[in-house]
Amino acid sequence: MAEGRTVRSICVFCGSRPGGDPAFAAGAAALGAAIAKRGFTLVYGGAKVGLMGVLANAALAEGGRVVGVIPKGLVSKEIAHEGLTELYLTESMNDRKERMVLLSDAFISMPGGWGTYDELFEVLTLAQIGFHDKPSAFLNVNGYFDPLLALLHHTIVHGFAAPQHEQLYVAAADAEELIDALVAWAPPPLGDRLLDRRAVVAEKK
């Protein structure tokens, strides 16, 4: 990131299902291990199933600190991971997203379903309107995010987002390369001062 910025924790959004391609689980394992080996805290959705479970187990196996955030209603369905460093229980999905944003310095999205899209668009939108200046990234395993990245570009081409908003995120197919890009990232100018609320938000903290 820009000089003076420090990444201590990385939040990963990913599926509670394994998906139909074994490469997705392999990617989750590689990402979890890479985050732990570099000394970052992994923040994620707190489940033991699907790609979430693979991600967390890989980070734990490398001695990493893993923090889960999960709604209480999902704990009762017995999908919460019992072996985490720390587990936050929230009242709702919205509370979950808010806590994950507060706990994290950067965000990585992996293959997943609608819940993953909800989370990744939440943090992208907050960055776009200046409520945080943390980077987002896509671990683009086997081109999974190619259609979504094309859609984001399509949105800019048609005037529903500014050209500089494409600099709010990075993408790569390799976990190590993606983390390097996150560490090197610097927040772009958002343009119109009315859209850039980062200074105002910082003053209120």
C-alpha atoms as a PDB file:
ATOM      1  CA  MET A   1       0.000   0.000   0.000  1.00  0.00           C
ATOM      2  CA  ALA A   2       1.043   3.638  -0.005  1.00  0.00           C
ATOM      3  CA  GLU A   3       3.971   4.636   2.175  1.00  0.00           C
ATOM      4  CA  GLY A   4       3.015   4.698   5.858  1.00  0.00           C
ATOM      5  CA  ARG A   5       0.147   2.237   5.394  1.00  0.00           C
ATOM      6  CA  THR A   6       0.256  -1.150   7.072  1.00  0.00           C
ATOM      7  CA  VAL A   7      -1.684  -4.306   6.302  1.00  0.00           C
ATOM      8  CA  ARG A   8      -2.182  -6.413   9.409  1.00  0.00           C
ATOM      9  CA  SER A   9      -5.408  -8.228   8.594  1.00  0.00           C
ATOM     10  CA  ILE A  10      -6.926  -9.459   5.348  1.00  0.00           C
ATOM     11  CA  CYS A  11     -10.602 -10.318   5.024  1.00  0.00           C
ATOM     12  CA  VAL A  12     -11.497 -13.061   2.557  1.00  0.00           C
ATOM     13  CA  PHE A  13     -14.983 -13.481   1.112  1.00  0.00           C
ATOM     14  CA  CYS A  14     -15.656 -16.929  -0.361  1.00  0.00           C
ATOM     15  CA  GLY A  15     -18.238 -19.651  -0.766  1.00  0.00           C
ATOM     16  CA  SER A  16     -19.767 -21.823   1.924  1.00  0.00           C
ATOM     17  CA  ARG A  17     -19.836 -24.491  -0.792  1.00  0.00           C
ATOM     18  CA  PRO A  18     -16.764 -26.016  -2.434  1.00  0.00           C
ATOM     19  CA  GLY A  19     -17.912 -25.235  -5.973  1.00  0.00           C
ATOM     20  CA  GLY A  20     -17.669 -27.525  -8.975  1.00  0.00           C
ATOM     21  CA  ASP A  21     -13.969 -27.106  -9.767  1.00  0.00           C
ATOM     22  CA  PRO A  22     -11.273 -28.629  -7.501  1.00  0.00           C
ATOM     23  CA  ALA A  23      -9.103 -25.620  -8.371  1.00  0.00           C
ATOM     24  CA  PHE A  24     -11.310 -23.462  -6.145  1.00  0.00           C
ATOM     25  CA  ALA A  25     -10.431 -25.448  -3.011  1.00  0.00           C
ATOM     26  CA  ALA A  26      -6.778 -25.520  -4.047  1.00  0.00           C
ATOM     27  CA  GLY A  27      -6.882 -21.747  -4.428  1.00  0.00           C
ATOM     28  CA  ALA A  28      -8.493 -21.323  -1.006  1.00  0.00           C
ATOM     29  CA  ALA A  29      -5.820 -23.497   0.604  1.00  0.00           C
ATOM     30  CA  ALA A  30      -3.028 -21.575  -1.124  1.00  0.00           C
ATOM     31  CA  LEU A  31      -4.493 -18.229  -0.083  1.00  0.00           C
ATOM     32  CA  GLY A  32      -5.022 -19.239   3.543  1.00  0.00           C
ATOM     33  CA  ALA A  33      -1.480 -20.548   3.798  1.00  0.00           C
ATOM     34  CA  ALA A  34       0.000 -17.463   2.115  1.00  0.00           C
ATOM     35  CA  ILE A  35      -1.834 -15.072   4.436  1.00  0.00           C
ATOM     36  CA  ALA A  36      -0.622 -16.952   7.515  1.00  0.00           C
ATOM     37  CA  LYS A  37       2.971 -17.318   6.312  1.00  0.00           C
ATOM     38  CA  ARG A  38       3.217 -13.567   5.786  1.00  0.00           C
ATOM     39  CA  GLY A  39       2.045 -12.909   9.319  1.00  0.00           C
ATOM     40  CA  PHE A  40      -1.335 -11.394   8.443  1.00  0.00           C
ATOM     41  CA  THR A  41      -4.492 -12.125  10.406  1.00  0.00           C
ATOM     42  CA  LEU A  42      -7.163 -13.851   8.330  1.00  0.00           C
ATOM     43  CA  VAL A  43     -10.680 -12.495   8.812  1.00  0.00           C
ATOM     44  CA  TYR A  44     -13.474 -14.485   7.195  1.00  0.00           C
ATOM     45  CA  GLY A  45     -17.078 -15.636   7.582  1.00  0.00           C
ATOM     46  CA  GLY A  46     -16.439 -18.092  10.424  1.00  0.00           C
ATOM     47  CA  ALA A  47     -17.764 -21.280   8.828  1.00  0.00           C
ATOM     48  CA  LYS A  48     -16.148 -24.715   8.700  1.00  0.00           C
ATOM     49  CA  VAL A  49     -17.817 -25.727   5.428  1.00  0.00           C
ATOM     50  CA  GLY A  50     -17.028 -25.164   1.760  1.00  0.00           C
ATOM     51  CA  LEU A  51     -14.184 -22.911   0.642  1.00  0.00           C
ATOM     52  CA  MET A  52     -14.462 -21.059   3.948  1.00  0.00           C
ATOM     53  CA  GLY A  53     -13.437 -24.162   5.864  1.00  0.00           C
ATOM     54  CA  VAL A  54     -10.569 -24.951   3.484  1.00  0.00           C
ATOM     55  CA  LEU A  55      -9.290 -21.368   3.739  1.00  0.00           C
ATOM     56  CA  ALA A  56      -9.388 -21.267   7.542  1.00  0.00           C
ATOM     57  CA  ASN A  57      -7.862 -24.724   8.004  1.00  0.00           C
ATOM     58  CA  ALA A  58      -4.957 -23.873   5.694  1.00  0.00           C
ATOM     59  CA  ALA A  59      -4.190 -20.691   7.629  1.00  0.00           C
ATOM     60  CA  LEU A  60      -4.449 -22.477  10.983  1.00  0.00           C
ATOM     61  CA  ALA A  61      -2.174 -25.266   9.757  1.00  0.00           C
ATOM     62  CA  GLU A  62       0.523 -22.636   9.140  1.00  0.00           C
ATOM     63  CA  GLY A  63       0.113 -21.243  12.652  1.00  0.00           C
ATOM     64  CA  GLY A  64      -1.832 -18.195  11.490  1.00  0.00           C
ATOM     65  CA  ARG A  65      -4.291 -16.108  13.470  1.00  0.00           C
ATOM     66  CA  VAL A  66      -7.800 -16.668  12.120  1.00  0.00           C
ATOM     67  CA  VAL A  67     -10.796 -14.562  13.128  1.00  0.00           C
ATOM     68  CA  GLY A  68     -14.297 -15.622  12.155  1.00  0.00           C
ATOM     69  CA  VAL A  69     -17.425 -13.472  12.058  1.00  0.00           C
ATOM     70  CA  ILE A  70     -20.723 -15.317  11.845  1.00  0.00           C
ATOM     71  CA  PRO A  71     -24.387 -14.559  12.583  1.00  0.00           C
ATOM     72  CA  LYS A  72     -25.822 -16.365  15.592  1.00  0.00           C
ATOM     73  CA  GLY A  73     -28.465 -17.978  13.413  1.00  0.00           C
ATOM     74  CA  LEU A  74     -25.806 -19.856  11.460  1.00  0.00           C
ATOM     75  CA  VAL A  75     -24.096 -21.107  14.623  1.00  0.00           C
ATOM     76  CA  SER A  76     -27.281 -22.971  15.513  1.00  0.00           C
ATOM     77  CA  LYS A  77     -27.036 -24.771  12.164  1.00  0.00           C
ATOM     78  CA  GLU A  78     -23.669 -26.189  13.284  1.00  0.00           C
ATOM     79  CA  ILE A  79     -21.562 -24.659  10.547  1.00  0.00           C
ATOM     80  CA  ALA A  80     -19.395 -22.438  12.780  1.00  0.00           C
ATOM     81  CA  HIS A  81     -15.701 -23.370  12.932  1.00  0.00           C
ATOM     82  CA  GLU A  82     -14.804 -24.419  16.491  1.00  0.00           C
ATOM     83  CA  GLY A  83     -11.027 -24.169  16.130  1.00  0.00           C
ATOM     84  CA  LEU A  84     -10.497 -20.491  15.336  1.00  0.00           C
ATOM     85  CA  THR A  85      -8.299 -18.038  17.179  1.00  0.00           C
ATOM     86  CA  GLU A  86     -11.338 -15.835  17.736  1.00  0.00           C
ATOM     87  CA  LEU A  87     -14.990 -16.005  16.728  1.00  0.00           C
ATOM     88  CA  TYR A  88     -17.371 -13.037  16.724  1.00  0.00           C
ATOM     89  CA  LEU A  89     -21.114 -13.706  16.837  1.00  0.00           C
ATOM     90  CA  THR A  90     -23.377 -11.103  15.260  1.00  0.00           C
ATOM     91  CA  GLU A  91     -27.115 -10.507  15.281  1.00  0.00           C
ATOM     92  CA  SER A  92     -27.497 -10.231  11.508  1.00  0.00           C
ATOM     93  CA  MET A  93     -25.764 -10.514   8.166  1.00  0.00           C
ATOM     94  CA  ASN A  94     -25.471  -6.718   8.019  1.00  0.00           C
ATOM     95  CA  ASP A  95     -23.767  -6.687  11.430  1.00  0.00           C
ATOM     96  CA  ARG A  96     -21.435  -9.374  10.152  1.00  0.00           C
ATOM     97  CA  LYS A  97     -20.340  -7.277   7.171  1.00  0.00           C
ATOM     98  CA  GLU A  98     -19.852  -4.189   9.321  1.00  0.00           C
ATOM     99  CA  ARG A  99     -17.662  -6.088  11.793  1.00  0.00           C
ATOM    100  CA  MET A 100     -15.587  -7.651   9.007  1.00  0.00           C
ATOM    101  CA  VAL A 101     -14.923  -4.219   7.484  1.00  0.00           C
ATOM    102  CA  LEU A 102     -13.851  -2.808  10.848  1.00  0.00           C
ATOM    103  CA  LEU A 103     -11.515  -5.741  11.554  1.00  0.00           C
ATOM    104  CA  SER A 104      -9.774  -5.691   8.179  1.00  0.00           C
ATOM    105  CA  ASP A 105      -7.184  -3.639   6.305  1.00  0.00           C
ATOM    106  CA  ALA A 106      -7.799  -5.233   2.906  1.00  0.00           C
ATOM    107  CA  PHE A 107     -10.312  -7.524   1.209  1.00  0.00           C
ATOM    108  CA  ILE A 108      -9.943 -10.509  -1.111  1.00  0.00           C
ATOM    109  CA  SER A 109     -12.849 -12.147  -2.888  1.00  0.00           C
ATOM    110  CA  MET A 110     -12.660 -15.773  -3.952  1.00  0.00           C
ATOM    111  CA  PRO A 111     -15.157 -17.811  -5.952  1.00  0.00           C
ATOM    112  CA  GLY A 112     -18.481 -17.959  -4.167  1.00  0.00           C
ATOM    113  CA  GLY A 113     -22.185 -17.366  -4.510  1.00  0.00           C
ATOM    114  CA  TRP A 114     -24.588 -14.503  -3.960  1.00  0.00           C
ATOM    115  CA  GLY A 115     -23.457 -13.951  -0.386  1.00  0.00           C
ATOM    116  CA  THR A 116     -19.898 -13.460  -1.619  1.00  0.00           C
ATOM    117  CA  TYR A 117     -21.098 -10.981  -4.248  1.00  0.00           C
ATOM    118  CA  ASP A 118     -23.060  -9.097  -1.592  1.00  0.00           C
ATOM    119  CA  GLU A 119     -19.944  -8.783   0.574  1.00  0.00           C
ATOM    120  CA  LEU A 120     -17.568  -7.777  -2.201  1.00  0.00           C
ATOM    121  CA  PHE A 121     -19.940  -5.146  -3.587  1.00  0.00           C
ATOM    122  CA  GLU A 122     -20.499  -3.761  -0.092  1.00  0.00           C
ATOM    123  CA  VAL A 123     -16.795  -3.028   0.396  1.00  0.00           C
ATOM    124  CA  LEU A 124     -16.320  -1.780  -3.175  1.00  0.00           C
ATOM    125  CA  THR A 125     -19.238   0.623  -2.806  1.00  0.00           C
ATOM    126  CA  LEU A 126     -17.947   1.920   0.535  1.00  0.00           C
ATOM    127  CA  ALA A 127     -14.579   2.576  -1.111  1.00  0.00           C
ATOM    128  CA  GLN A 128     -16.197   4.198  -4.146  1.00  0.00           C
ATOM    129  CA  ILE A 129     -18.051   6.755  -2.010  1.00  0.00           C
ATOM    130  CA  GLY A 130     -15.078   7.339   0.254  1.00  0.00           C
ATOM    131  CA  PHE A 131     -16.128   5.665   3.499  1.00  0.00           C
ATOM    132  CA  HIS A 132     -12.879   3.702   3.622  1.00  0.00           C
ATOM    133  CA  ASP A 133      -9.613   3.612   1.671  1.00  0.00           C
ATOM    134  CA  LYS A 134      -8.882  -0.103   1.880  1.00  0.00           C
ATOM    135  CA  PRO A 135      -8.123  -2.174  -1.226  1.00  0.00           C
ATOM    136  CA  SER A 136     -10.242  -4.945  -2.677  1.00  0.00           C
ATOM    137  CA  ALA A 137      -8.903  -7.846  -4.704  1.00  0.00           C
ATOM    138  CA  PHE A 138     -10.172 -10.799  -6.726  1.00  0.00           C
ATOM    139  CA  LEU A 139      -8.418 -14.163  -6.595  1.00  0.00           C
ATOM    140  CA  ASN A 140      -9.427 -15.056 -10.115  1.00  0.00           C
ATOM    141  CA  VAL A 141      -9.091 -18.840 -10.008  1.00  0.00           C
ATOM    142  CA  ASN A 142      -9.517 -20.352 -13.471  1.00  0.00           C
ATOM    143  CA  GLY A 143     -11.063 -17.111 -14.714  1.00  0.00           C
ATOM    144  CA  TYR A 144     -14.028 -17.355 -12.337  1.00  0.00           C
ATOM    145  CA  PHE A 145     -14.311 -13.574 -12.023  1.00  0.00           C
ATOM    146  CA  ASP A 146     -13.747 -12.765 -15.700  1.00  0.00           C
ATOM    147  CA  PRO A 147     -17.469 -12.052 -16.308  1.00  0.00           C
ATOM    148  CA  LEU A 148     -17.717  -9.910 -13.159  1.00  0.00           C
ATOM    149  CA  LEU A 149     -14.576  -7.928 -13.998  1.00  0.00           C
ATOM    150  CA  ALA A 150     -15.998  -7.370 -17.480  1.00  0.00           C
ATOM    151  CA  LEU A 151     -19.259  -6.168 -15.923  1.00  0.00           C
ATOM    152  CA  LEU A 152     -17.419  -3.697 -13.687  1.00  0.00           C
ATOM    153  CA  HIS A 153     -15.612  -2.310 -16.729  1.00  0.00           C
ATOM    154  CA  HIS A 154     -18.907  -2.242 -18.652  1.00  0.00           C
ATOM    155  CA  THR A 155     -20.410  -0.170 -15.820  1.00  0.00           C
ATOM    156  CA  ILE A 156     -17.622   2.400 -16.165  1.00  0.00           C
ATOM    157  CA  VAL A 157     -17.856   2.509 -19.958  1.00  0.00           C
ATOM    158  CA  HIS A 158     -21.546   3.345 -19.676  1.00  0.00           C
ATOM    159  CA  GLY A 159     -20.993   6.143 -17.183  1.00  0.00           C
ATOM    160  CA  PHE A 160     -22.343   4.591 -13.986  1.00  0.00           C
ATOM    161  CA  ALA A 161     -18.920   4.714 -12.286  1.00  0.00           C
ATOM    162  CA  ALA A 162     -15.898   6.935 -12.818  1.00  0.00           C
ATOM    163  CA  PRO A 163     -12.812   5.621 -14.672  1.00  0.00           C
ATOM    164  CA  GLN A 164     -10.666   5.938 -11.532  1.00  0.00           C
ATOM    165  CA  HIS A 165     -12.992   3.582  -9.661  1.00  0.00           C
ATOM    166  CA  GLU A 166     -11.459   0.718 -11.636  1.00  0.00           C
ATOM    167  CA  GLN A 167      -8.333   1.366  -9.566  1.00  0.00           C
ATOM    168  CA  LEU A 168     -10.178   0.475  -6.349  1.00  0.00           C
ATOM    169  CA  TYR A 169      -9.460  -3.222  -6.911  1.00  0.00           C
ATOM    170  CA  VAL A 170      -6.819  -5.570  -8.261  1.00  0.00           C
ATOM    171  CA  ALA A 171      -7.055  -9.095  -9.638  1.00  0.00           C
ATOM    172  CA  ALA A 172      -4.701 -12.032 -10.093  1.00  0.00           C
ATOM    173  CA  ALA A 173      -4.911 -15.815 -10.426  1.00  0.00           C
ATOM    174  CA  ASP A 174      -2.055 -16.513  -8.001  1.00  0.00           C
ATOM    175  CA  ALA A 175      -2.392 -15.978  -4.231  1.00  0.00           C
ATOM    176  CA  GLU A 176       1.137 -14.698  -3.675  1.00  0.00           C
ATOM    177  CA  GLU A 177       0.927 -12.308  -6.617  1.00  0.00           C
ATOM    178  CA  LEU A 178      -2.416 -11.001  -5.390  1.00  0.00           C
ATOM    179  CA  ILE A 179      -1.119 -10.317  -1.870  1.00  0.00           C
ATOM    180  CA  ASP A 180       1.872  -8.484  -3.372  1.00  0.00           C
ATOM    181  CA  ALA A 181      -0.560  -6.296  -5.325  1.00  0.00           C
ATOM    182  CA  LEU A 182      -2.577  -5.542  -2.175  1.00  0.00           C
ATOM    183  CA  VAL A 183       0.527  -4.524  -0.248  1.00  0.00           C
ATOM    184  CA  ALA A 184       1.653  -2.252  -3.112  1.00  0.00           C
ATOM    185  CA  TRP A 185      -1.783  -0.672  -3.639  1.00  0.00           C
ATOM    186  CA  ALA A 186      -2.416   3.020  -3.055  1.00  0.00           C
ATOM    187  CA  PRO A 187      -5.898   4.609  -2.992  1.00  0.00           C
ATOM    188  CA  PRO A 188      -6.774   6.494  -6.180  1.00  0.00           C
ATOM    189  CA  PRO A 189      -8.242  10.011  -6.188  1.00  0.00           C
ATOM    190  CA  LEU A 190     -12.017   9.751  -6.210  1.00  0.00           C
ATOM    191  CA  GLY A 191     -12.564  12.905  -8.220  1.00  0.00           C
ATOM    192  CA  ASP A 192     -15.341  15.264  -7.158  1.00  0.00           C
ATOM    193  CA  ARG A 193     -14.779  16.380  -3.553  1.00  0.00           C
ATOM    194  CA  LEU A 194     -18.459  15.748  -2.857  1.00  0.00           C
ATOM    195  CA  LEU A 195     -17.844  12.054  -3.497  1.00  0.00           C
ATOM    196  CA  ASP A 196     -14.620  11.853  -1.492  1.00  0.00           C
ATOM    197  CA  ARG A 197     -15.655  11.446   2.140  1.00  0.00           C
ATOM    198  CA  ARG A 198     -12.419   9.859   3.347  1.00  0.00           C
ATOM    199  CA  ALA A 199     -11.143  13.002   5.088  1.00  0.00           C
ATOM    200  CA  VAL A 200     -14.516  13.581   6.758  1.00  0.00           C
ATOM    201  CA  VAL A 201     -14.706   9.983   7.972  1.00  0.00           C
ATOM    202  CA  ALA A 202     -11.151  10.166   9.322  1.00  0.00           C
ATOM    203  CA  GLU A 203     -11.979  13.360  11.248  1.00  0.00           C
ATOM    204  CA  LYS A 204     -14.886  11.620  12.996  1.00  0.00           C
ATOM    205  CA  LYS A 205     -12.764   8.722  14.240  1.00  0.00           C
END
